[in-house]
Structure formats: C-alpha cells, structure tokens
C-alpha cells in the first residue's frame, strides 16, 4: 500500500534500512566464536570480509545465494536450525478487519500477540534480532527506533 511504501522510502532515505554487509563484523565474530566446521562460508570468509563477497565466493551449483545469505544470518543470530514459531505477532491491521484478530485468537494453536507489554510469552529471539539490527546501524549514527515498544497499528 502507498502508506507502507512511503514509510519504507522515508526509512531508506534516512539510512535506517540495513544491508547484509552491515553485519559483516558480527558474521566474522560468529565464525570465530562458533564451531561450524569447514562450511563453504567459512572457507570463503578466509579471503573476504563483506558478507556479499563471502556469499559470492562460496556460491556453487549446489548452493544458492539465498541459502548462503540465510546461513550467514543463522551464524550471526546463533541459530542452529530453523526454529518453529512460538507465537504470532500482529503488527497492524485495518479497523474494519478487527474481527479477523478475534477469529485468529480463537482458532490459533499459537499465542497471538497484539501487545508486547501484556504478552504471556517473551519474544527473546525477536528482541535480540531487533537489537542487533540497530547495533549494525550505529556506525552511521542512525537513531534507534523502539518498534518493540510501539503499539500495534490500526488503520
């Protein structure tokens, strides 16, 4: 929607949209601290610093760019495997569709979070990932947004 596109453009122009290469320091730290064997990323990282360069060097017929980028993010976030979702977090909705939230809360097997302050489950991984996102932007003096404290958007 236009509203979302304009918001994304404003964030991009402010420099608040991260790029994978902003996480290169974290990536190399994760490789040094973790036991990840001789993966293609580890081998490629020996001769390259930026994640985009590491991914390009590690690319082969059998491994896609996307899979390598995902593996790099898993290393940065210290994720050994893809975790099953623990909850559904609603970020926003249209007022006329509010009945969907109620239906989702009734039928979902996962907790539905519409307000982090009153949530029964603490989204630890989401908080860690958000903090890391803003930490990667610190060198560019981008002010941190507290989206985890921002209430759900109702339009």
N, C-alpha and C. Protein backbone atom coordinates (compact mmCIF):
# COMPACT_ATOMS: atom_id res chain seq x y z
N UNK A 1 0.83 -1.21 0.00
CA UNK A 1 0.00 0.00 0.00
C UNK A 1 0.87 1.26 0.00
N UNK A 2 0.32 2.34 -0.53
CA UNK A 2 1.05 3.60 -0.61
C UNK A 2 1.60 4.05 0.73
N UNK A 3 0.82 3.89 1.80
CA UNK A 3 1.26 4.31 3.12
C UNK A 3 2.53 3.56 3.51
N UNK A 4 2.54 2.26 3.31
CA UNK A 4 3.70 1.44 3.65
C UNK A 4 4.89 1.77 2.76
N UNK A 5 4.63 1.97 1.47
CA UNK A 5 5.71 2.30 0.54
C UNK A 5 6.35 3.63 0.92
N UNK A 6 5.55 4.62 1.26
CA UNK A 6 6.09 5.92 1.66
C UNK A 6 6.90 5.82 2.95
N UNK A 7 6.43 5.03 3.89
CA UNK A 7 7.15 4.82 5.15
C UNK A 7 8.49 4.12 4.89
N UNK A 8 8.47 3.10 4.05
CA UNK A 8 9.70 2.39 3.71
C UNK A 8 10.69 3.31 3.00
N UNK A 9 10.19 4.12 2.07
CA UNK A 9 11.06 5.08 1.37
C UNK A 9 11.70 6.06 2.35
N UNK A 10 10.92 6.57 3.28
CA UNK A 10 11.43 7.53 4.27
C UNK A 10 12.52 6.87 5.12
N UNK A 11 12.30 5.63 5.53
CA UNK A 11 13.31 4.91 6.32
C UNK A 11 14.56 4.65 5.49
N UNK A 12 14.38 4.31 4.23
CA UNK A 12 15.52 4.06 3.35
C UNK A 12 16.33 5.33 3.16
N UNK A 13 15.65 6.45 2.91
CA UNK A 13 16.33 7.73 2.72
C UNK A 13 17.04 8.18 4.00
N UNK A 14 16.50 7.82 5.16
CA UNK A 14 17.13 8.16 6.44
C UNK A 14 18.30 7.23 6.75
N UNK A 15 18.48 6.20 5.92
CA UNK A 15 19.58 5.26 6.13
C UNK A 15 19.26 4.18 7.15
N UNK A 16 17.99 4.04 7.52
CA UNK A 16 17.60 3.10 8.57
C UNK A 16 17.19 1.74 8.04
N UNK A 17 17.47 1.47 6.78
CA UNK A 17 17.22 0.13 6.23
C UNK A 17 18.57 -0.54 6.10
N UNK A 18 18.75 -1.60 6.86
CA UNK A 18 20.04 -2.28 6.92
C UNK A 18 20.32 -3.06 5.65
N UNK A 19 21.59 -3.26 5.41
CA UNK A 19 22.04 -4.12 4.32
C UNK A 19 22.82 -5.26 4.95
N UNK A 20 22.84 -6.38 4.29
CA UNK A 20 23.51 -7.56 4.84
C UNK A 20 24.97 -7.27 5.16
N UNK A 21 25.63 -6.48 4.33
CA UNK A 21 27.05 -6.18 4.57
C UNK A 21 27.28 -5.41 5.87
N UNK A 22 26.26 -4.73 6.40
CA UNK A 22 26.41 -4.03 7.68
C UNK A 22 26.67 -5.00 8.83
N UNK A 23 26.39 -6.26 8.61
CA UNK A 23 26.55 -7.28 9.64
C UNK A 23 27.85 -8.07 9.49
N UNK A 24 28.75 -7.61 8.63
CA UNK A 24 29.99 -8.35 8.35
C UNK A 24 30.84 -8.56 9.59
N UNK A 25 30.97 -7.54 10.44
CA UNK A 25 31.75 -7.71 11.67
C UNK A 25 31.14 -8.81 12.54
N UNK A 26 29.81 -8.78 12.70
CA UNK A 26 29.13 -9.79 13.52
C UNK A 26 29.31 -11.18 12.92
N UNK A 27 29.26 -11.25 11.59
CA UNK A 27 29.42 -12.53 10.89
C UNK A 27 30.79 -13.14 11.18
N UNK A 28 31.83 -12.34 11.04
CA UNK A 28 33.17 -12.87 11.27
C UNK A 28 33.38 -13.22 12.75
N UNK A 29 32.79 -12.46 13.64
CA UNK A 29 32.86 -12.80 15.05
C UNK A 29 32.16 -14.14 15.30
N UNK A 30 30.97 -14.32 14.69
CA UNK A 30 30.23 -15.58 14.87
C UNK A 30 31.03 -16.76 14.33
N UNK A 31 31.69 -16.58 13.20
CA UNK A 31 32.51 -17.66 12.66
C UNK A 31 33.67 -17.98 13.58
N UNK A 32 34.29 -16.94 14.14
CA UNK A 32 35.42 -17.16 15.04
C UNK A 32 34.99 -17.81 16.35
N UNK A 33 33.80 -17.44 16.83
CA UNK A 33 33.34 -17.93 18.13
C UNK A 33 32.64 -19.29 18.04
N UNK A 34 32.10 -19.61 16.88
CA UNK A 34 31.31 -20.83 16.75
C UNK A 34 32.11 -21.99 16.20
N UNK A 35 31.53 -23.17 16.32
CA UNK A 35 32.14 -24.37 15.78
C UNK A 35 31.30 -24.78 14.58
N UNK A 36 31.63 -24.26 13.43
CA UNK A 36 30.84 -24.52 12.24
C UNK A 36 31.60 -25.34 11.20
N UNK A 37 32.66 -26.00 11.61
CA UNK A 37 33.39 -26.88 10.70
C UNK A 37 34.00 -26.13 9.52
N UNK A 38 34.08 -26.80 8.40
CA UNK A 38 34.66 -26.21 7.20
C UNK A 38 33.56 -25.93 6.19
N UNK A 39 32.58 -25.17 6.56
CA UNK A 39 31.48 -24.85 5.66
C UNK A 39 31.98 -23.97 4.51
N UNK A 40 31.25 -23.94 3.41
CA UNK A 40 31.65 -23.08 2.28
C UNK A 40 31.79 -21.61 2.70
N UNK A 41 30.93 -21.16 3.63
CA UNK A 41 31.03 -19.78 4.09
C UNK A 41 32.32 -19.54 4.86
N UNK A 42 32.69 -20.48 5.69
CA UNK A 42 33.92 -20.33 6.48
C UNK A 42 35.14 -20.26 5.56
N UNK A 43 35.17 -21.15 4.57
CA UNK A 43 36.29 -21.14 3.62
C UNK A 43 36.35 -19.81 2.87
N UNK A 44 35.21 -19.34 2.38
CA UNK A 44 35.17 -18.10 1.62
C UNK A 44 35.50 -16.89 2.49
N UNK A 45 35.15 -16.96 3.77
CA UNK A 45 35.40 -15.85 4.69
C UNK A 45 36.88 -15.66 4.98
N UNK A 46 37.68 -16.68 4.71
CA UNK A 46 39.12 -16.56 4.95
C UNK A 46 39.75 -15.52 4.03
N UNK A 47 39.15 -15.31 2.86
CA UNK A 47 39.73 -14.37 1.89
C UNK A 47 38.88 -13.15 1.62
N UNK A 48 37.73 -13.03 2.31
CA UNK A 48 36.82 -11.90 2.04
C UNK A 48 36.25 -11.40 3.36
N UNK A 49 35.87 -10.12 3.38
CA UNK A 49 35.30 -9.56 4.60
C UNK A 49 33.80 -9.32 4.48
N UNK A 50 33.38 -8.57 3.48
CA UNK A 50 31.94 -8.25 3.35
C UNK A 50 31.16 -9.53 3.07
N UNK A 51 29.99 -9.64 3.70
CA UNK A 51 29.18 -10.86 3.54
C UNK A 51 28.82 -11.07 2.08
N UNK A 52 28.53 -10.01 1.34
CA UNK A 52 28.17 -10.18 -0.08
C UNK A 52 29.34 -10.82 -0.85
N UNK A 53 30.57 -10.44 -0.50
CA UNK A 53 31.75 -11.04 -1.15
C UNK A 53 31.92 -12.50 -0.73
N UNK A 54 31.69 -12.78 0.55
CA UNK A 54 31.80 -14.15 1.05
C UNK A 54 30.78 -15.05 0.35
N UNK A 55 29.56 -14.56 0.24
CA UNK A 55 28.49 -15.33 -0.42
C UNK A 55 28.83 -15.57 -1.89
N UNK A 56 29.30 -14.53 -2.55
CA UNK A 56 29.67 -14.66 -3.97
C UNK A 56 30.80 -15.69 -4.13
N UNK A 57 31.77 -15.67 -3.22
CA UNK A 57 32.89 -16.61 -3.31
C UNK A 57 32.46 -18.04 -2.97
N UNK A 58 31.47 -18.19 -2.11
CA UNK A 58 31.02 -19.52 -1.69
C UNK A 58 29.98 -20.12 -2.63
N UNK A 59 29.43 -19.32 -3.50
CA UNK A 59 28.37 -19.77 -4.41
C UNK A 59 28.87 -20.92 -5.27
N UNK A 60 28.03 -21.94 -5.40
CA UNK A 60 28.34 -23.08 -6.26
C UNK A 60 27.06 -23.52 -6.95
N UNK A 61 27.15 -24.53 -7.78
CA UNK A 61 25.97 -25.05 -8.46
C UNK A 61 24.93 -25.57 -7.46
N UNK A 62 25.44 -26.12 -6.35
CA UNK A 62 24.56 -26.79 -5.39
C UNK A 62 23.99 -25.87 -4.31
N UNK A 63 24.53 -24.67 -4.18
CA UNK A 63 24.10 -23.78 -3.10
C UNK A 63 23.72 -22.42 -3.69
N UNK A 64 22.51 -21.98 -3.43
CA UNK A 64 22.04 -20.71 -3.96
C UNK A 64 22.54 -19.54 -3.11
N UNK A 65 22.51 -18.34 -3.70
CA UNK A 65 22.86 -17.14 -2.95
C UNK A 65 21.97 -17.00 -1.72
N UNK A 66 20.68 -17.24 -1.90
CA UNK A 66 19.72 -17.08 -0.80
C UNK A 66 20.04 -18.03 0.34
N UNK A 67 20.37 -19.29 0.02
CA UNK A 67 20.70 -20.26 1.07
C UNK A 67 21.96 -19.82 1.82
N UNK A 68 22.94 -19.28 1.11
CA UNK A 68 24.17 -18.81 1.76
C UNK A 68 23.90 -17.57 2.62
N UNK A 69 23.07 -16.66 2.13
CA UNK A 69 22.70 -15.48 2.93
C UNK A 69 21.97 -15.90 4.19
N UNK A 70 21.07 -16.87 4.05
CA UNK A 70 20.33 -17.37 5.20
C UNK A 70 21.29 -18.03 6.20
N UNK A 71 22.25 -18.80 5.69
CA UNK A 71 23.23 -19.44 6.57
C UNK A 71 24.07 -18.39 7.30
N UNK A 72 24.42 -17.31 6.62
CA UNK A 72 25.18 -16.23 7.26
C UNK A 72 24.36 -15.61 8.39
N UNK A 73 23.08 -15.35 8.13
CA UNK A 73 22.22 -14.79 9.18
C UNK A 73 22.05 -15.77 10.34
N UNK A 74 21.95 -17.04 10.05
CA UNK A 74 21.85 -18.05 11.11
C UNK A 74 23.10 -18.02 11.98
N UNK A 75 24.27 -17.86 11.33
CA UNK A 75 25.52 -17.78 12.10
C UNK A 75 25.52 -16.54 12.98
N UNK A 76 25.10 -15.40 12.43
CA UNK A 76 25.08 -14.14 13.18
C UNK A 76 24.13 -14.23 14.36
N UNK A 77 22.96 -14.81 14.14
CA UNK A 77 21.94 -14.89 15.19
C UNK A 77 22.10 -16.13 16.08
N UNK A 78 23.14 -16.92 15.79
CA UNK A 78 23.42 -18.13 16.56
C UNK A 78 22.23 -19.10 16.53
N UNK A 79 21.68 -19.29 15.35
CA UNK A 79 20.58 -20.23 15.17
C UNK A 79 21.13 -21.50 14.54
N UNK A 80 21.00 -22.60 15.23
CA UNK A 80 21.50 -23.87 14.71
C UNK A 80 20.55 -24.46 13.65
N UNK A 81 19.29 -24.23 13.83
CA UNK A 81 18.31 -24.74 12.89
C UNK A 81 17.13 -23.77 12.86
N UNK A 82 16.28 -23.94 11.88
CA UNK A 82 15.12 -23.07 11.78
C UNK A 82 14.17 -23.42 12.92
N UNK A 83 13.90 -22.44 13.75
CA UNK A 83 13.02 -22.67 14.90
C UNK A 83 11.56 -22.61 14.47
N UNK A 84 10.76 -23.43 15.11
CA UNK A 84 9.33 -23.37 14.86
C UNK A 84 8.79 -22.11 15.52
N UNK A 85 7.81 -21.48 14.90
CA UNK A 85 7.26 -20.27 15.52
C UNK A 85 6.64 -20.57 16.88
N UNK A 86 6.86 -19.66 17.82
CA UNK A 86 6.31 -19.81 19.16
C UNK A 86 5.08 -18.96 19.38
N UNK A 87 4.86 -18.00 18.49
CA UNK A 87 3.75 -17.08 18.64
C UNK A 87 3.49 -16.38 17.31
N UNK A 88 2.36 -15.70 17.24
CA UNK A 88 2.02 -14.87 16.09
C UNK A 88 1.98 -13.44 16.61
N UNK A 89 2.78 -12.57 16.01
CA UNK A 89 2.79 -11.17 16.45
C UNK A 89 2.10 -10.32 15.40
N UNK A 90 1.00 -9.69 15.78
CA UNK A 90 0.24 -8.82 14.88
C UNK A 90 0.85 -7.43 14.97
N UNK A 91 1.32 -6.93 13.83
CA UNK A 91 1.94 -5.61 13.80
C UNK A 91 0.94 -4.51 13.49
N UNK A 92 -0.13 -4.87 12.77
CA UNK A 92 -1.14 -3.88 12.42
C UNK A 92 -2.26 -4.52 11.63
N UNK A 93 -3.35 -3.78 11.51
CA UNK A 93 -4.49 -4.26 10.73
C UNK A 93 -5.44 -3.10 10.45
N UNK A 94 -6.36 -3.33 9.55
CA UNK A 94 -7.39 -2.32 9.25
C UNK A 94 -8.53 -2.49 10.25
N UNK A 95 -9.04 -1.37 10.70
CA UNK A 95 -10.09 -1.38 11.71
C UNK A 95 -11.28 -2.26 11.30
N UNK A 96 -11.65 -2.20 10.03
CA UNK A 96 -12.82 -2.98 9.58
C UNK A 96 -12.54 -4.49 9.54
N UNK A 97 -11.30 -4.88 9.70
CA UNK A 97 -10.94 -6.30 9.72
C UNK A 97 -10.60 -6.80 11.12
N UNK A 98 -10.99 -6.05 12.14
CA UNK A 98 -10.65 -6.43 13.52
C UNK A 98 -11.24 -7.78 13.91
N UNK A 99 -12.31 -8.18 13.28
CA UNK A 99 -12.91 -9.47 13.58
C UNK A 99 -11.94 -10.62 13.27
N UNK A 100 -11.01 -10.39 12.32
CA UNK A 100 -10.03 -11.42 11.99
C UNK A 100 -9.09 -11.70 13.16
N UNK A 101 -8.76 -10.65 13.92
CA UNK A 101 -7.88 -10.83 15.08
C UNK A 101 -8.55 -11.73 16.11
N UNK A 102 -9.83 -11.45 16.36
CA UNK A 102 -10.58 -12.28 17.32
C UNK A 102 -10.66 -13.72 16.84
N UNK A 103 -10.92 -13.92 15.55
CA UNK A 103 -11.00 -15.27 15.00
C UNK A 103 -9.64 -15.97 15.09
N UNK A 104 -8.59 -15.24 14.81
CA UNK A 104 -7.24 -15.80 14.90
C UNK A 104 -6.92 -16.23 16.33
N UNK A 105 -7.27 -15.39 17.30
CA UNK A 105 -7.01 -15.72 18.70
C UNK A 105 -7.79 -16.96 19.14
N UNK A 106 -8.99 -17.14 18.62
CA UNK A 106 -9.81 -18.30 18.99
C UNK A 106 -9.31 -19.59 18.35
N UNK A 107 -8.88 -19.52 17.09
CA UNK A 107 -8.58 -20.74 16.34
C UNK A 107 -7.10 -21.11 16.30
N UNK A 108 -6.23 -20.19 16.64
CA UNK A 108 -4.81 -20.45 16.55
C UNK A 108 -4.33 -21.36 17.67
N UNK A 109 -3.40 -22.24 17.33
CA UNK A 109 -2.76 -23.07 18.36
C UNK A 109 -1.58 -22.33 19.00
N UNK A 110 -1.18 -21.22 18.39
CA UNK A 110 -0.09 -20.40 18.91
C UNK A 110 -0.66 -19.16 19.59
N UNK A 111 0.02 -18.64 20.61
CA UNK A 111 -0.44 -17.39 21.21
C UNK A 111 -0.38 -16.26 20.18
N UNK A 112 -1.36 -15.38 20.21
CA UNK A 112 -1.40 -14.23 19.31
C UNK A 112 -1.06 -13.00 20.13
N UNK A 113 0.04 -12.33 19.76
CA UNK A 113 0.49 -11.16 20.50
C UNK A 113 0.07 -9.90 19.75
N UNK A 114 -0.73 -9.09 20.42
CA UNK A 114 -1.10 -7.79 19.87
C UNK A 114 -0.48 -6.66 20.68
N UNK A 115 0.01 -6.99 21.88
CA UNK A 115 0.64 -6.01 22.75
C UNK A 115 1.76 -6.72 23.51
N UNK A 116 3.01 -6.31 23.26
CA UNK A 116 4.14 -6.98 23.90
C UNK A 116 4.14 -6.84 25.42
N UNK A 117 3.64 -5.71 25.92
CA UNK A 117 3.66 -5.50 27.37
C UNK A 117 2.77 -6.49 28.11
N UNK A 118 1.67 -6.88 27.48
CA UNK A 118 0.75 -7.80 28.15
C UNK A 118 0.89 -9.24 27.63
N UNK A 119 1.90 -9.50 26.82
CA UNK A 119 2.08 -10.84 26.25
C UNK A 119 2.49 -11.83 27.33
N UNK A 120 1.96 -13.05 27.22
CA UNK A 120 2.30 -14.11 28.18
C UNK A 120 3.61 -14.79 27.80
N UNK A 121 4.04 -14.61 26.57
CA UNK A 121 5.29 -15.19 26.10
C UNK A 121 6.25 -14.04 25.79
N UNK A 122 7.52 -14.21 26.12
CA UNK A 122 8.51 -13.16 25.91
C UNK A 122 9.27 -13.47 24.61
N UNK A 123 9.18 -12.62 23.60
CA UNK A 123 9.83 -12.89 22.31
C UNK A 123 11.33 -12.61 22.32
N UNK A 124 12.08 -13.43 23.03
CA UNK A 124 13.51 -13.21 23.25
C UNK A 124 14.30 -13.12 21.94
N UNK A 125 14.09 -14.06 21.03
CA UNK A 125 14.84 -14.04 19.76
C UNK A 125 14.51 -12.81 18.94
N UNK A 126 13.26 -12.40 18.94
CA UNK A 126 12.85 -11.20 18.20
C UNK A 126 13.53 -9.97 18.78
N UNK A 127 13.60 -9.89 20.09
CA UNK A 127 14.25 -8.75 20.76
C UNK A 127 15.74 -8.74 20.44
N UNK A 128 16.39 -9.91 20.50
CA UNK A 128 17.81 -9.98 20.18
C UNK A 128 18.07 -9.56 18.74
N UNK A 129 17.25 -10.03 17.82
CA UNK A 129 17.43 -9.70 16.41
C UNK A 129 17.22 -8.20 16.18
N UNK A 130 16.24 -7.62 16.86
CA UNK A 130 15.98 -6.19 16.72
C UNK A 130 17.15 -5.37 17.27
N UNK A 131 17.68 -5.77 18.41
CA UNK A 131 18.83 -5.06 18.99
C UNK A 131 20.04 -5.16 18.07
N UNK A 132 20.26 -6.32 17.47
CA UNK A 132 21.37 -6.50 16.54
C UNK A 132 21.17 -5.64 15.30
N UNK A 133 19.94 -5.54 14.82
CA UNK A 133 19.62 -4.72 13.64
C UNK A 133 20.08 -3.27 13.87
N UNK A 134 19.72 -2.72 15.02
CA UNK A 134 20.06 -1.32 15.31
C UNK A 134 21.53 -1.17 15.66
N UNK A 135 22.12 -2.17 16.23
CA UNK A 135 23.55 -2.12 16.54
C UNK A 135 24.37 -2.02 15.24
N UNK A 136 23.93 -2.71 14.20
CA UNK A 136 24.62 -2.66 12.91
C UNK A 136 24.53 -1.28 12.26
N UNK A 137 23.54 -0.48 12.64
CA UNK A 137 23.38 0.86 12.08
C UNK A 137 24.07 1.94 12.92
N UNK A 138 24.56 1.59 14.10
CA UNK A 138 25.20 2.58 14.98
C UNK A 138 26.34 3.35 14.31
N UNK A 139 27.23 2.69 13.54
CA UNK A 139 28.33 3.45 12.92
C UNK A 139 27.85 4.56 12.00
N UNK A 140 26.62 4.47 11.51
CA UNK A 140 26.09 5.50 10.62
C UNK A 140 25.26 6.54 11.39
N UNK A 141 25.32 6.46 12.73
CA UNK A 141 24.59 7.40 13.60
C UNK A 141 23.10 7.47 13.31
N UNK A 142 22.50 6.33 13.02
CA UNK A 142 21.06 6.25 12.80
C UNK A 142 20.41 6.07 14.17
N UNK A 143 19.49 6.95 14.55
CA UNK A 143 18.86 6.80 15.86
C UNK A 143 17.99 5.54 15.91
N UNK A 144 18.12 4.81 17.00
CA UNK A 144 17.38 3.56 17.18
C UNK A 144 15.89 3.83 17.32
N UNK A 145 15.09 3.02 16.65
CA UNK A 145 13.64 3.10 16.78
C UNK A 145 13.23 2.00 17.75
N UNK A 146 12.34 2.28 18.62
CA UNK A 146 11.90 1.30 19.60
C UNK A 146 10.60 0.64 19.12
N UNK A 147 10.70 -0.09 17.98
CA UNK A 147 9.48 -0.68 17.44
C UNK A 147 8.88 -1.76 18.33
N UNK A 148 9.70 -2.33 19.20
CA UNK A 148 9.13 -3.33 20.11
C UNK A 148 8.24 -2.66 21.16
N UNK A 149 8.44 -1.37 21.38
CA UNK A 149 7.61 -0.64 22.33
C UNK A 149 6.45 0.07 21.63
N UNK A 150 6.48 0.07 20.30
CA UNK A 150 5.44 0.73 19.52
C UNK A 150 4.16 -0.11 19.54
N UNK A 151 3.02 0.51 19.81
CA UNK A 151 1.78 -0.27 19.81
C UNK A 151 1.41 -0.71 18.38
N UNK A 152 0.54 -1.70 18.34
CA UNK A 152 0.04 -2.20 17.08
C UNK A 152 -0.63 -1.06 16.30
N UNK A 153 -0.47 -1.06 14.99
CA UNK A 153 -1.03 -0.01 14.15
C UNK A 153 -2.42 -0.42 13.70
N UNK A 154 -3.38 0.44 13.92
CA UNK A 154 -4.74 0.21 13.45
C UNK A 154 -5.06 1.33 12.47
N UNK A 155 -5.31 0.96 11.22
CA UNK A 155 -5.63 1.98 10.21
C UNK A 155 -7.03 1.80 9.68
